[in-house]
Amino acid sequence: MKTPLFALLLLAACAVEEEPPAARYTSDQVAQLAFVCPGDPSGVCDLSEDTTLHAGAAAVATTPQEFETWIDNDGDGNYRSSIDEYLDCGLDRLCEGDPGWPGADEGEGDGTFQPLWLAGFDNSRAVQSVADDTWARATVLRQGNTEIAVVSCDLVGLFLNEVEAMRERARDELGIDHILLSSTHVHEVPDTMGQWGRVLAESGVNPRHMQNLHDAVHEAIRQAQAAAVPVQVRAGRYDVPHTAWGGRGINNVNVDTRDPAITDERILTTRFVDASSGATVATWINFANHPEAAGSRNLAITSDFAHTLRTTVEEGAIEGPDGPVDGVGGVAVYIQGAVGGMMTPLHADTIDLDGTEHTEHGLEKAYATGRVTGYHALQAIQAEEGIADPLLKLRTKTLFLPVENTGFHVLLNAEVFDRPGFNYNADEIITQWNRPDLKTEVDLLQVGSVSALSIPGELLPELAIGGYDGGHTGPLQDLVDAGNPNPPDLSAAPEGPYLKDLMPGDYKMIVGLGNDEIGYLVPEYNYVLAHSGPFLNEAPGDHYEETNSVGPTAVPSMLAIASAMMAFEPPEL
């Protein structure tokens, strides 16, 4: 008797063994980490034998379009309702009688000023206009079952709770395992942290802008994911020599304003290239400098030097000290570095690619700074090498840091800082006897011999590279200013290894303001508070950064946890 067909099909189905689940670590095996890819115990980003690296990139504008503008009658760059005049034309900034006026829009003629507040420098800096676009620039990397988005946003900074919300949405809607987000720390974009509103006690965050920002980041990740192709990876480095720019070297674009004067003169590039066509998909440019060259009197939204840095890398330079250099196309992504202490173009007299010198703050100086930095990035690309076996790995670690800064207590109590605290009594006001911990994070991302360590704030570069011997001091500066009334005791400075010494690989990027902004991260030996009104007042000498830090215990705690995270290797399965 013949076996019925349905029975044969049933037997065949039963004979096929289910494919075993991909291997992953146990919670005990990775107990020292918060998250690890591939192989996290949660079941996402399972281990895979597929080592083909895919990458896609996209840039989505985050430039706000909805705000009212004003006239700065006294020219001081700060809006004062008793002196200055706002234009009650609504969020499209078009009044009746203006060309193209579509009729009254939201806020028009209501007798209330609807501004956006610029972050950085001071309070009351209301936006007047837009000079150039700001961006969310995403790179999505996929290998096997692991998919990670690296995003750079033109922001002064973003709190971890905002990044966590972005991660949850990207995981639910796009299947992204993790987002590593860095802010460029630009000082001419709307406030996303709270402390730069009309006055210090009022948050400067605009909910509409924040929602648009979240949507833009998500859209950039979505587009980058959809565009992903198999890629090869190339990495380069360029150390700006002291002899460049007539002996100005790195001080042509960057001056350290805090003793000891230590500047990371290295520009690192990582380029993802379509394996089939050779076309650039994305280029990461890692360099430490405050995008604030436009200065405090600039009231136009701009990404500052990041704008022309990126366009120079994409489009090239028609002139420069070593002649013209071709651009590489693709999506250029500026990733901030160890920017603390303070790396800034404000005190630099910048020679542009055409030889023009810019001494005054403003958009032209900002754009010149970007062109010069972009030119050096192209020099790094000219010397790049291929990265063999670009295996994609990620590990993260959560840490809790006490908020010791009494000024930050006030801002948290007033909800100017809108982020959760931990390990304190939330029903009582925050004081030195009832102070919260901030939850924050460090990540280590590896793409073969390229590694990126995220730091949740503005790291002073000496914590990453040392330099207490003067080996990283710009040619126009002294290691310690002879006129400093309270100079650092370099005999107490820490010896290595420093963070970059501990990082794996050959190309090591510090990702500043990575996933969070908790302020300046100052070395313990040189952390000095004022005797009167500590945190609210500066100690004599170069100690501004302490007033914008969470406290003296943050750096030793973070260094210990970051070092342990980098030393940990998941066991072999």
Protein backbone atom coordinates (compact mmCIF):
# COMPACT_ATOMS: atom_id res chain seq x y z
CA MET A 1 0.00 0.00 0.00
CA LYS A 2 1.28 3.38 -0.93
CA THR A 3 1.88 5.99 1.73
CA PRO A 4 -0.44 8.97 1.26
CA LEU A 5 1.24 12.09 -0.10
CA PHE A 6 0.34 14.21 2.94
CA ALA A 7 2.04 11.61 5.17
CA LEU A 8 5.23 11.71 3.09
CA LEU A 9 5.26 15.49 3.38
CA LEU A 10 4.72 15.23 7.11
CA LEU A 11 7.58 12.71 7.49
CA ALA A 12 9.86 14.93 5.40
CA ALA A 13 9.04 17.93 7.52
CA CYS A 14 9.76 16.02 10.71
CA ALA A 15 13.07 14.76 9.29
CA VAL A 16 14.38 18.33 8.81
CA GLU A 17 16.19 19.41 11.93
CA GLU A 18 15.60 22.93 13.15
CA GLU A 19 18.56 25.22 12.57
CA PRO A 20 20.30 25.70 15.92
CA PRO A 21 20.15 29.21 17.35
CA ALA A 22 23.20 31.36 16.83
CA ALA A 23 25.64 31.24 19.74
CA ARG A 24 25.56 33.96 22.36
CA TYR A 25 27.21 34.62 25.67
CA THR A 26 25.59 34.04 29.05
CA SER A 27 24.93 36.84 31.48
CA ASP A 28 27.67 35.53 33.75
CA GLN A 29 30.20 35.58 30.93
CA VAL A 30 29.66 39.27 30.23
CA ALA A 31 28.68 40.42 33.72
CA GLN A 32 31.23 43.25 33.55
CA LEU A 33 29.46 44.82 30.56
CA ALA A 34 26.07 46.39 29.95
CA PHE A 35 25.89 45.29 26.33
CA VAL A 36 28.11 43.38 23.90
CA CYS A 37 27.81 42.74 20.18
CA PRO A 38 27.92 40.27 18.65
CA GLY A 39 26.60 37.69 21.11
CA ASP A 40 24.71 39.70 23.73
CA PRO A 41 22.71 37.48 26.13
CA SER A 42 19.56 39.46 25.30
CA GLY A 43 19.34 37.60 22.00
CA VAL A 44 20.03 40.57 19.73
CA CYS A 45 23.13 40.70 17.53
CA ASP A 46 23.81 36.97 17.76
CA LEU A 47 27.20 35.65 16.75
CA SER A 48 27.53 34.81 13.07
CA GLU A 49 30.15 33.36 10.75
CA ASP A 50 29.32 36.00 8.12
CA THR A 51 32.11 38.59 8.21
CA THR A 52 31.00 40.68 5.23
CA LEU A 53 30.80 44.27 6.40
CA HIS A 54 27.99 46.40 4.99
CA ALA A 55 27.79 50.16 5.42
CA GLY A 56 25.34 52.84 4.40
CA ALA A 57 25.29 56.55 5.13
CA ALA A 58 22.84 59.43 5.02
CA ALA A 59 22.64 63.08 6.01
CA VAL A 60 19.32 64.60 7.08
CA ALA A 61 19.03 68.30 7.87
CA THR A 62 18.04 69.23 11.41
CA THR A 63 17.88 72.96 10.68
CA PRO A 64 14.89 74.47 12.51
CA GLN A 65 12.57 76.53 10.36
CA GLU A 66 9.96 77.62 12.88
CA PHE A 67 10.88 80.56 15.09
CA GLU A 68 10.32 84.29 15.36
CA THR A 69 13.20 86.68 14.80
CA TRP A 70 14.20 90.02 16.33
CA ILE A 71 16.23 93.23 15.98
CA ASP A 72 19.27 93.64 18.23
CA ASN A 73 19.00 97.38 18.80
CA ASP A 74 22.04 97.70 21.05
CA GLY A 75 24.15 95.18 19.13
CA ASP A 76 25.22 93.20 22.19
CA GLY A 77 24.01 89.83 20.90
CA ASN A 78 21.57 89.33 23.80
CA TYR A 79 17.81 89.76 23.60
CA ARG A 80 16.47 92.26 26.14
CA SER A 81 12.75 92.93 25.88
CA SER A 82 13.19 96.47 27.25
CA ILE A 83 15.73 97.40 24.56
CA ASP A 84 15.38 95.08 21.60
CA GLU A 85 12.45 94.50 19.24
CA TYR A 86 10.96 91.19 18.23
CA LEU A 87 9.06 90.79 14.98
CA ASP A 88 5.64 89.32 15.75
CA CYS A 89 5.41 87.63 12.34
CA GLY A 90 4.81 84.05 13.42
CA LEU A 91 6.99 81.00 13.05
CA ASP A 92 7.48 81.50 9.28
CA ARG A 93 8.92 85.00 9.97
CA LEU A 94 6.76 86.51 7.22
CA CYS A 95 4.57 89.49 8.05
CA GLU A 96 1.66 90.91 6.12
CA GLY A 97 3.09 92.82 3.18
CA ASP A 98 6.22 90.68 2.93
CA PRO A 99 6.79 88.94 -0.42
CA GLY A 100 5.26 85.48 -0.33
CA TRP A 101 3.23 86.10 2.85
CA PRO A 102 0.75 83.19 2.96
CA GLY A 103 -1.46 84.70 5.62
CA ALA A 104 -1.13 84.71 9.38
CA ASP A 105 0.52 81.58 10.74
CA GLU A 106 1.04 80.19 14.23
CA GLY A 107 2.09 82.88 16.69
CA GLU A 108 1.65 85.79 14.31
CA GLY A 109 0.32 88.93 15.94
CA ASP A 110 -0.22 87.28 19.32
CA GLY A 111 1.96 89.70 21.26
CA THR A 112 4.32 86.95 22.44
CA PHE A 113 7.90 86.34 21.31
CA GLN A 114 8.45 82.75 20.12
CA PRO A 115 12.26 82.48 19.91
CA LEU A 116 14.78 79.71 19.70
CA TRP A 117 17.69 80.13 22.11
CA LEU A 118 21.22 79.51 20.89
CA ALA A 119 23.31 77.16 23.01
CA GLY A 120 26.73 78.12 24.28
CA PHE A 121 28.49 81.27 25.47
CA ASP A 122 25.65 82.94 27.40
CA ASN A 123 21.92 83.16 28.01
CA SER A 124 19.45 85.30 26.02
CA ARG A 125 21.04 84.63 22.63
CA ALA A 126 17.92 84.40 20.48
CA VAL A 127 18.23 83.08 16.93
CA GLN A 128 17.86 85.68 14.20
CA SER A 129 18.45 83.66 11.02
CA VAL A 130 20.01 80.60 9.39
CA ALA A 131 23.49 80.75 7.81
CA ASP A 132 23.89 77.09 6.85
CA ASP A 133 22.19 73.79 7.56
CA THR A 134 22.74 71.64 10.60
CA TRP A 135 22.69 67.87 10.23
CA ALA A 136 22.19 64.40 11.61
CA ARG A 137 24.74 62.28 9.73
CA ALA A 138 24.36 58.54 10.19
CA THR A 139 26.47 55.55 9.25
CA VAL A 140 24.88 52.13 9.66
CA LEU A 141 27.29 49.20 9.93
CA ARG A 142 26.02 45.63 9.54
CA GLN A 143 27.96 42.40 9.86
CA GLY A 144 26.20 39.09 10.32
CA ASN A 145 23.45 39.66 12.89
CA THR A 146 24.95 42.87 14.28
CA GLU A 147 23.70 46.27 13.12
CA ILE A 148 25.01 49.47 14.69
CA ALA A 149 24.30 53.10 13.84
CA VAL A 150 26.95 55.76 14.41
CA VAL A 151 25.39 59.22 14.32
CA SER A 152 26.95 62.68 14.52
CA CYS A 153 24.60 65.61 15.17
CA ASP A 154 25.26 69.33 15.05
CA LEU A 155 24.26 69.91 18.67
CA VAL A 156 25.82 71.45 21.75
CA GLY A 157 25.11 68.16 23.49
CA LEU A 158 22.38 65.63 24.20
CA PHE A 159 21.53 63.79 27.40
CA LEU A 160 21.64 60.01 27.61
CA ASN A 161 17.90 59.69 28.20
CA GLU A 162 17.27 61.32 24.80
CA VAL A 163 19.70 58.91 23.12
CA GLU A 164 18.06 55.96 24.87
CA ALA A 165 14.68 57.03 23.44
CA MET A 166 16.22 57.16 19.97
CA ARG A 167 17.68 53.69 20.48
CA GLU A 168 14.37 52.22 21.54
CA ARG A 169 12.60 53.62 18.47
CA ALA A 170 15.37 52.47 16.10
CA ARG A 171 15.36 49.00 17.65
CA ASP A 172 11.58 48.65 17.44
CA GLU A 173 11.10 50.11 13.95
CA LEU A 174 14.39 49.34 12.18
CA GLY A 175 15.95 46.47 14.10
CA ILE A 176 19.06 48.50 14.94
CA ASP A 177 20.94 46.91 17.83
CA HIS A 178 22.65 50.04 19.13
CA ILE A 179 23.16 53.75 18.42
CA LEU A 180 26.40 55.54 19.23
CA LEU A 181 25.59 59.25 18.97
CA SER A 182 28.09 62.08 19.22
CA SER A 183 27.34 65.80 19.31
CA THR A 184 29.71 68.12 17.47
CA HIS A 185 29.34 70.60 20.38
CA VAL A 186 28.61 73.52 18.10
CA HIS A 187 27.73 76.77 19.92
CA GLU A 188 25.42 78.31 17.31
CA VAL A 189 22.48 75.90 17.30
CA PRO A 190 19.32 75.74 19.43
CA ASP A 191 19.66 74.67 23.04
CA THR A 192 19.09 70.94 23.56
CA MET A 193 20.24 70.77 27.19
CA GLY A 194 18.36 73.59 28.91
CA GLN A 195 20.94 75.94 30.39
CA TRP A 196 20.96 78.57 27.62
CA GLY A 197 17.42 79.94 27.79
CA ARG A 198 16.26 83.52 28.28
CA VAL A 199 17.78 83.41 31.77
CA LEU A 200 19.73 80.67 33.50
CA ALA A 201 16.71 79.59 35.57
CA GLU A 202 14.57 78.93 32.46
CA SER A 203 15.11 76.03 30.11
CA GLY A 204 16.03 76.99 26.57
CA VAL A 205 14.84 73.68 25.10
CA ASN A 206 12.09 73.91 22.49
CA PRO A 207 9.91 70.74 22.45
CA ARG A 208 9.05 71.15 18.76
CA HIS A 209 12.72 71.31 17.83
CA MET A 210 13.49 68.28 19.99
CA GLN A 211 10.81 66.22 18.26
CA ASN A 212 12.09 67.27 14.86
CA LEU A 213 15.59 66.29 15.96
CA HIS A 214 14.45 62.82 17.03
CA ASP A 215 12.63 62.38 13.71
CA ALA A 216 15.67 63.52 11.71
CA VAL A 217 18.03 61.13 13.51
CA HIS A 218 15.61 58.27 12.93
CA GLU A 219 15.23 59.17 9.26
CA ALA A 220 19.00 59.42 8.77
CA ILE A 221 19.42 55.95 10.27
CA ARG A 222 16.58 54.58 8.13
CA GLN A 223 18.09 55.98 4.93
CA ALA A 224 21.58 54.78 5.83
CA GLN A 225 20.28 51.30 6.61
CA ALA A 226 18.46 51.12 3.29
CA ALA A 227 21.58 52.25 1.40
CA ALA A 228 23.98 49.74 2.98
CA VAL A 229 26.32 47.88 0.60
CA PRO A 230 29.34 45.60 1.12
CA VAL A 231 32.33 47.80 1.89
CA GLN A 232 36.04 47.89 2.42
CA VAL A 233 37.50 50.04 5.18
CA ARG A 234 40.42 52.44 4.91
CA ALA A 235 41.94 54.55 7.68
CA GLY A 236 44.35 57.47 7.73
CA ARG A 237 46.03 59.87 10.10
CA TYR A 238 47.67 63.26 9.78
CA ASP A 239 49.59 65.06 12.52
CA VAL A 240 49.68 68.79 11.83
CA PRO A 241 53.41 69.65 11.95
CA HIS A 242 54.76 72.62 13.91
CA THR A 243 56.20 74.00 10.69
CA ALA A 244 52.83 74.25 8.94
CA TRP A 245 51.16 77.61 8.39
CA GLY A 246 54.36 79.61 8.83
CA GLY A 247 55.20 77.94 12.13
CA ARG A 248 51.70 78.12 13.64
CA GLY A 249 51.08 74.39 13.27
CA ILE A 250 47.95 73.23 15.07
CA ASN A 251 47.60 76.72 16.60
CA ASN A 252 46.45 77.94 13.20
CA VAL A 253 43.01 76.54 14.06
CA ASN A 254 43.18 75.43 17.69
CA VAL A 255 44.48 77.04 20.89
CA ASP A 256 44.34 75.43 24.34
CA THR A 257 43.05 78.00 26.84
CA ARG A 258 43.85 76.01 29.99
CA ASP A 259 47.25 75.12 31.42
CA PRO A 260 48.91 72.79 30.77
CA ALA A 261 48.57 73.63 27.08
CA ILE A 262 48.10 70.19 25.52
CA THR A 263 46.46 69.78 22.13
CA ASP A 264 45.88 66.62 20.13
CA GLU A 265 47.23 67.63 16.73
CA ARG A 266 46.17 64.37 15.09
CA ILE A 267 43.32 64.13 12.59
CA LEU A 268 42.03 60.60 12.04
CA THR A 269 39.91 59.44 9.13
CA THR A 270 37.99 56.23 8.54
CA ARG A 271 36.53 55.71 5.07
CA PHE A 272 33.98 53.11 4.07
CA VAL A 273 34.28 52.32 0.36
CA ASP A 274 31.81 50.42 -1.82
CA ALA A 275 33.51 47.06 -2.44
CA SER A 276 32.16 46.91 -5.99
CA SER A 277 32.51 50.45 -7.33
CA GLY A 278 35.18 51.94 -5.09
CA ALA A 279 32.91 54.91 -4.35
CA THR A 280 33.04 56.46 -0.91
CA VAL A 281 30.04 55.63 1.25
CA ALA A 282 31.07 57.58 4.35
CA THR A 283 34.13 59.26 5.80
CA TRP A 284 34.57 59.76 9.53
CA ILE A 285 36.79 62.70 10.51
CA ASN A 286 37.85 62.67 14.17
CA PHE A 287 39.40 65.87 15.54
CA ALA A 288 39.10 67.80 18.81
CA ASN A 289 38.07 71.45 18.56
CA HIS A 290 35.14 73.59 19.73
CA PRO A 291 32.94 74.63 16.77
CA GLU A 292 32.55 78.19 18.07
CA ALA A 293 34.69 80.26 15.72
CA ALA A 294 31.67 82.33 14.68
CA GLY A 295 31.72 83.80 18.18
CA SER A 296 29.15 84.94 20.70
CA ARG A 297 27.86 87.85 18.58
CA ASN A 298 26.80 85.54 15.77
CA LEU A 299 23.04 85.00 15.97
CA ALA A 300 22.61 82.87 12.85
CA ILE A 301 22.20 79.11 13.10
CA THR A 302 25.30 77.44 11.71
CA SER A 303 27.27 74.23 12.11
CA ASP A 304 30.34 76.50 12.32
CA PHE A 305 33.59 74.96 11.05
CA ALA A 306 31.98 71.52 10.78
CA HIS A 307 30.11 72.85 7.72
CA THR A 308 33.14 73.55 5.54
CA LEU A 309 35.18 70.71 7.03
CA ARG A 310 32.61 68.27 5.65
CA THR A 311 32.14 70.02 2.29
CA THR A 312 35.92 70.18 1.80
CA VAL A 313 36.30 66.45 2.43
CA GLU A 314 33.39 65.68 0.09
CA GLU A 315 34.20 68.18 -2.67
CA GLY A 316 37.93 68.83 -2.33
CA ALA A 317 40.03 72.00 -2.16
CA ILE A 318 41.11 73.97 -5.24
CA GLU A 319 44.10 75.39 -3.38
CA GLY A 320 46.15 74.91 -0.25
CA PRO A 321 49.73 74.78 1.05
CA ASP A 322 50.44 71.58 -0.90
CA GLY A 323 48.27 72.40 -3.91
CA PRO A 324 44.74 71.30 -4.80
CA VAL A 325 43.35 68.10 -3.33
CA ASP A 326 40.42 66.10 -4.70
CA GLY A 327 37.43 65.38 -2.54
CA VAL A 328 36.26 61.83 -1.89
CA GLY A 329 32.49 62.25 -2.19
CA GLY A 330 30.11 60.25 -0.04
CA VAL A 331 28.83 61.49 3.31
CA ALA A 332 31.46 63.23 5.43
CA VAL A 333 30.88 62.86 9.17
CA TYR A 334 32.66 65.07 11.71
CA ILE A 335 33.15 63.21 15.00
CA GLN A 336 34.20 65.36 17.93
CA GLY A 337 37.27 64.33 19.94
CA ALA A 338 38.74 65.17 23.36
CA VAL A 339 37.60 68.77 23.21
CA GLY A 340 37.85 69.78 26.87
CA GLY A 341 40.20 72.11 28.59
CA MET A 342 39.56 74.03 26.20
CA MET A 343 40.24 73.28 22.57
CA THR A 344 39.04 76.34 20.66
CA PRO A 345 39.62 78.34 17.48
CA LEU A 346 38.54 81.56 19.21
CA HIS A 347 42.08 82.58 20.11
CA ALA A 348 43.64 81.43 16.84
CA ASP A 349 44.52 83.77 13.99
CA THR A 350 43.63 81.42 11.16
CA ILE A 351 45.34 81.43 7.78
CA ASP A 352 42.86 80.14 5.17
CA LEU A 353 43.73 77.94 2.20
CA ASP A 354 44.07 80.98 -0.04
CA GLY A 355 46.43 82.71 2.41
CA THR A 356 43.84 85.09 3.89
CA GLU A 357 44.27 85.56 7.64
CA HIS A 358 41.17 85.68 9.84
CA THR A 359 41.61 87.35 13.21
CA GLU A 360 38.04 88.37 14.06
CA HIS A 361 35.35 85.98 15.21
CA GLY A 362 32.58 85.42 12.69
CA LEU A 363 31.24 83.11 10.04
CA GLU A 364 34.17 83.72 7.69
CA LYS A 365 36.64 82.62 10.34
CA ALA A 366 34.49 79.58 11.13
CA TYR A 367 34.38 78.58 7.48
CA ALA A 368 38.14 79.13 7.12
CA THR A 369 38.78 76.90 10.14
CA GLY A 370 36.68 74.19 8.53
CA ARG A 371 38.43 74.44 5.17
CA VAL A 372 41.85 74.14 6.79
CA THR A 373 40.79 71.19 8.95
CA GLY A 374 39.14 69.54 5.95
CA TYR A 375 42.32 70.00 3.94
CA HIS A 376 44.30 68.20 6.66
CA ALA A 377 41.67 65.44 6.70
CA LEU A 378 42.21 64.97 2.96
CA GLN A 379 45.94 64.73 3.65
CA ALA A 380 45.15 61.94 6.11
CA ILE A 381 43.09 60.21 3.41
CA GLN A 382 45.97 60.50 0.95
CA ALA A 383 48.07 58.41 3.36
CA GLU A 384 45.33 55.94 4.31
CA GLU A 385 45.74 52.16 4.37
CA GLY A 386 43.28 49.32 4.02
CA ILE A 387 41.93 47.65 7.15
CA ALA A 388 42.21 43.88 6.89
CA ASP A 389 39.51 41.78 8.55
CA PRO A 390 37.23 44.65 9.62
CA LEU A 391 35.40 42.69 12.29
CA LEU A 392 32.60 44.69 13.92
CA LYS A 393 32.54 44.61 17.72
CA LEU A 394 30.85 46.68 20.39
CA ARG A 395 30.90 46.70 24.14
CA THR A 396 29.24 49.22 26.47
CA LYS A 397 29.33 49.91 30.17
CA THR A 398 26.88 51.91 32.29
CA LEU A 399 28.17 54.01 35.16
CA PHE A 400 26.62 56.20 37.83
CA LEU A 401 28.38 59.43 38.75
CA PRO A 402 27.38 61.66 41.71
CA VAL A 403 26.34 65.23 40.95
CA GLU A 404 28.63 67.11 43.30
CA ASN A 405 28.30 70.45 41.51
CA THR A 406 25.98 72.64 43.61
CA GLY A 407 25.22 74.81 40.60
CA PHE A 408 23.94 71.73 38.79
CA HIS A 409 21.76 71.01 41.86
CA VAL A 410 19.94 74.28 41.24
CA LEU A 411 19.44 73.51 37.55
CA LEU A 412 18.15 70.02 38.30
CA ASN A 413 15.75 71.32 40.97
CA ALA A 414 14.44 73.93 38.51
CA GLU A 415 14.10 71.23 35.82
CA VAL A 416 16.34 73.26 33.54
CA PHE A 417 18.24 70.01 33.16
CA ASP A 418 15.57 67.51 32.14
CA ARG A 419 17.16 64.16 32.88
CA PRO A 420 16.48 61.54 35.54
CA GLY A 421 18.57 61.17 38.69
CA PHE A 422 19.26 57.93 40.50
CA ASN A 423 20.03 56.74 44.04
CA TYR A 424 18.54 59.68 45.94
CA ASN A 425 15.21 60.78 47.44
CA ALA A 426 13.31 62.21 44.50
CA ASP A 427 10.59 63.58 46.82
CA GLU A 428 13.00 66.06 48.38
CA ILE A 429 15.00 68.87 46.84
CA ILE A 430 18.51 68.14 45.67
CA THR A 431 21.22 69.27 48.08
CA GLN A 432 24.71 68.14 49.01
CA TRP A 433 23.04 65.78 51.48
CA ASN A 434 20.51 64.50 48.92
CA ARG A 435 22.32 64.41 45.63
CA PRO A 436 21.46 62.22 42.68
CA ASP A 437 23.71 60.08 40.56
CA LEU A 438 23.67 60.57 36.82
CA LYS A 439 23.41 57.44 34.74
CA THR A 440 25.81 57.64 31.82
CA GLU A 441 27.77 55.33 29.53
CA VAL A 442 31.03 54.53 27.78
CA ASP A 443 31.17 52.51 24.53
CA LEU A 444 34.02 50.83 22.70
CA LEU A 445 33.33 50.29 19.00
CA GLN A 446 35.81 48.35 16.88
CA VAL A 447 35.96 47.96 13.11
CA GLY A 448 39.04 45.81 12.72
CA SER A 449 42.04 47.89 13.77
CA VAL A 450 39.92 51.06 14.02
CA SER A 451 38.58 51.67 17.53
CA ALA A 452 36.34 54.40 18.91
CA LEU A 453 35.90 55.06 22.63
CA SER A 454 32.88 57.18 23.49
CA ILE A 455 33.28 59.63 26.37
CA PRO A 456 30.10 61.21 27.84
CA GLY A 457 31.38 64.78 27.91
CA GLU A 458 34.29 67.08 27.16
CA LEU A 459 37.45 65.14 27.96
CA LEU A 460 40.65 67.08 28.49
CA PRO A 461 43.04 65.66 25.87
CA GLU A 462 45.85 64.91 28.32
CA LEU A 463 43.67 62.13 29.76
CA ALA A 464 43.75 60.52 26.31
CA ILE A 465 47.29 61.23 25.12
CA GLY A 466 49.39 62.53 28.03
CA GLY A 467 51.64 65.36 26.89
CA TYR A 468 52.81 66.59 30.30
CA ASP A 469 56.35 66.70 28.88
CA GLY A 470 55.34 69.31 26.31
CA GLY A 471 55.23 66.79 23.47
CA HIS A 472 51.70 67.87 22.49
CA THR A 473 52.01 71.62 23.04
CA GLY A 474 51.34 73.85 20.02
CA PRO A 475 54.27 75.89 18.66
CA LEU A 476 52.73 79.22 19.69
CA GLN A 477 52.09 78.17 23.29
CA ASP A 478 54.07 77.30 26.39
CA LEU A 479 53.19 74.19 28.35
CA VAL A 480 52.43 76.41 31.35
CA ASP A 481 51.91 80.16 31.07
CA ALA A 482 54.51 81.99 33.15
CA GLY A 483 51.81 84.44 34.28
CA ASN A 484 49.43 81.80 35.63
CA PRO A 485 48.72 82.70 39.29
CA ASN A 486 47.75 79.12 40.13
CA PRO A 487 49.75 76.86 37.80
CA PRO A 488 49.20 73.11 37.69
CA ASP A 489 51.64 70.96 39.63
CA LEU A 490 52.96 68.83 36.79
CA SER A 491 54.94 66.70 39.22
CA ALA A 492 51.58 65.34 40.39
CA ALA A 493 50.30 64.67 36.85
CA PRO A 494 49.41 61.05 36.17
CA GLU A 495 51.82 58.81 34.35
CA GLY A 496 50.63 56.59 31.52
CA PRO A 497 49.16 54.48 30.24
CA TYR A 498 46.58 57.00 29.05
CA LEU A 499 43.25 56.15 27.41
CA LYS A 500 44.59 55.90 23.86
CA ASP A 501 47.39 53.64 25.14
CA LEU A 502 44.73 51.25 26.43
CA MET A 503 42.57 51.25 23.32
CA PRO A 504 42.92 48.36 20.87
CA GLY A 505 43.95 48.71 17.23
CA ASP A 506 46.11 51.11 15.25
CA TYR A 507 43.62 53.95 14.65
CA LYS A 508 42.16 55.19 17.94
CA MET A 509 39.37 57.74 18.10
CA ILE A 510 38.07 59.44 21.22
CA VAL A 511 34.39 60.15 20.55
CA GLY A 512 33.66 63.28 22.54
CA LEU A 513 30.18 63.99 23.89
CA GLY A 514 29.40 60.36 23.09
CA ASN A 515 25.81 59.44 23.99
CA ASP A 516 25.72 62.10 26.73
CA GLU A 517 27.00 65.49 27.85
CA ILE A 518 27.90 65.68 31.54
CA GLY A 519 30.33 68.60 31.17
CA TYR A 520 34.08 68.88 31.38
CA LEU A 521 36.15 65.90 32.49
CA VAL A 522 39.17 67.33 34.31
CA PRO A 523 42.20 65.34 35.52
CA GLU A 524 42.05 64.70 39.25
CA TYR A 525 45.48 66.19 40.04
CA ASN A 526 44.48 69.58 38.58
CA TYR A 527 40.86 69.75 39.72
CA VAL A 528 40.72 72.94 41.78
CA LEU A 529 37.64 74.59 43.28
CA ALA A 530 37.25 78.12 44.59
CA HIS A 531 37.37 78.43 48.38
CA SER A 532 34.31 80.67 48.32
CA GLY A 533 31.28 79.47 46.36
CA PRO A 534 32.87 76.35 44.89
CA PHE A 535 31.42 75.39 41.49
CA LEU A 536 29.71 78.78 41.26
CA ASN A 537 33.00 80.71 41.22
CA GLU A 538 36.26 79.92 39.46
CA ALA A 539 39.45 79.24 41.37
CA PRO A 540 42.38 81.51 40.38
CA GLY A 541 44.17 80.39 37.26
CA ASP A 542 42.67 78.21 34.54
CA HIS A 543 39.80 76.51 36.35
CA TYR A 544 36.65 77.50 34.48
CA GLU A 545 36.03 73.87 33.50
CA GLU A 546 35.40 72.81 37.11
CA THR A 547 32.34 75.07 37.25
CA ASN A 548 30.83 73.10 34.37
CA SER A 549 31.67 69.60 35.58
CA VAL A 550 29.65 67.16 37.67
CA GLY A 551 32.39 66.95 40.31
CA PRO A 552 35.88 65.73 41.19
CA THR A 553 35.03 62.04 41.48
CA ALA A 554 33.71 61.73 37.92
CA VAL A 555 37.05 61.33 36.13
CA PRO A 556 38.67 58.69 38.37
CA SER A 557 35.42 56.68 38.33
CA MET A 558 35.05 56.95 34.56
CA LEU A 559 38.71 56.11 33.91
CA ALA A 560 38.52 53.01 36.07
CA ILE A 561 35.36 51.75 34.38
CA ALA A 562 36.51 52.59 30.85
CA SER A 563 39.87 50.90 31.46
CA ALA A 564 38.21 47.76 32.82
CA MET A 565 35.78 47.68 29.90
CA MET A 566 38.60 47.91 27.37
CA ALA A 567 40.62 45.22 29.15
CA PHE A 568 37.70 42.79 29.23
CA GLU A 569 37.40 40.29 26.40
CA PRO A 570 34.36 38.02 26.16
CA PRO A 571 35.36 34.36 26.42
CA GLU A 572 35.68 32.14 23.37
CA LEU A 573 32.53 30.16 22.62
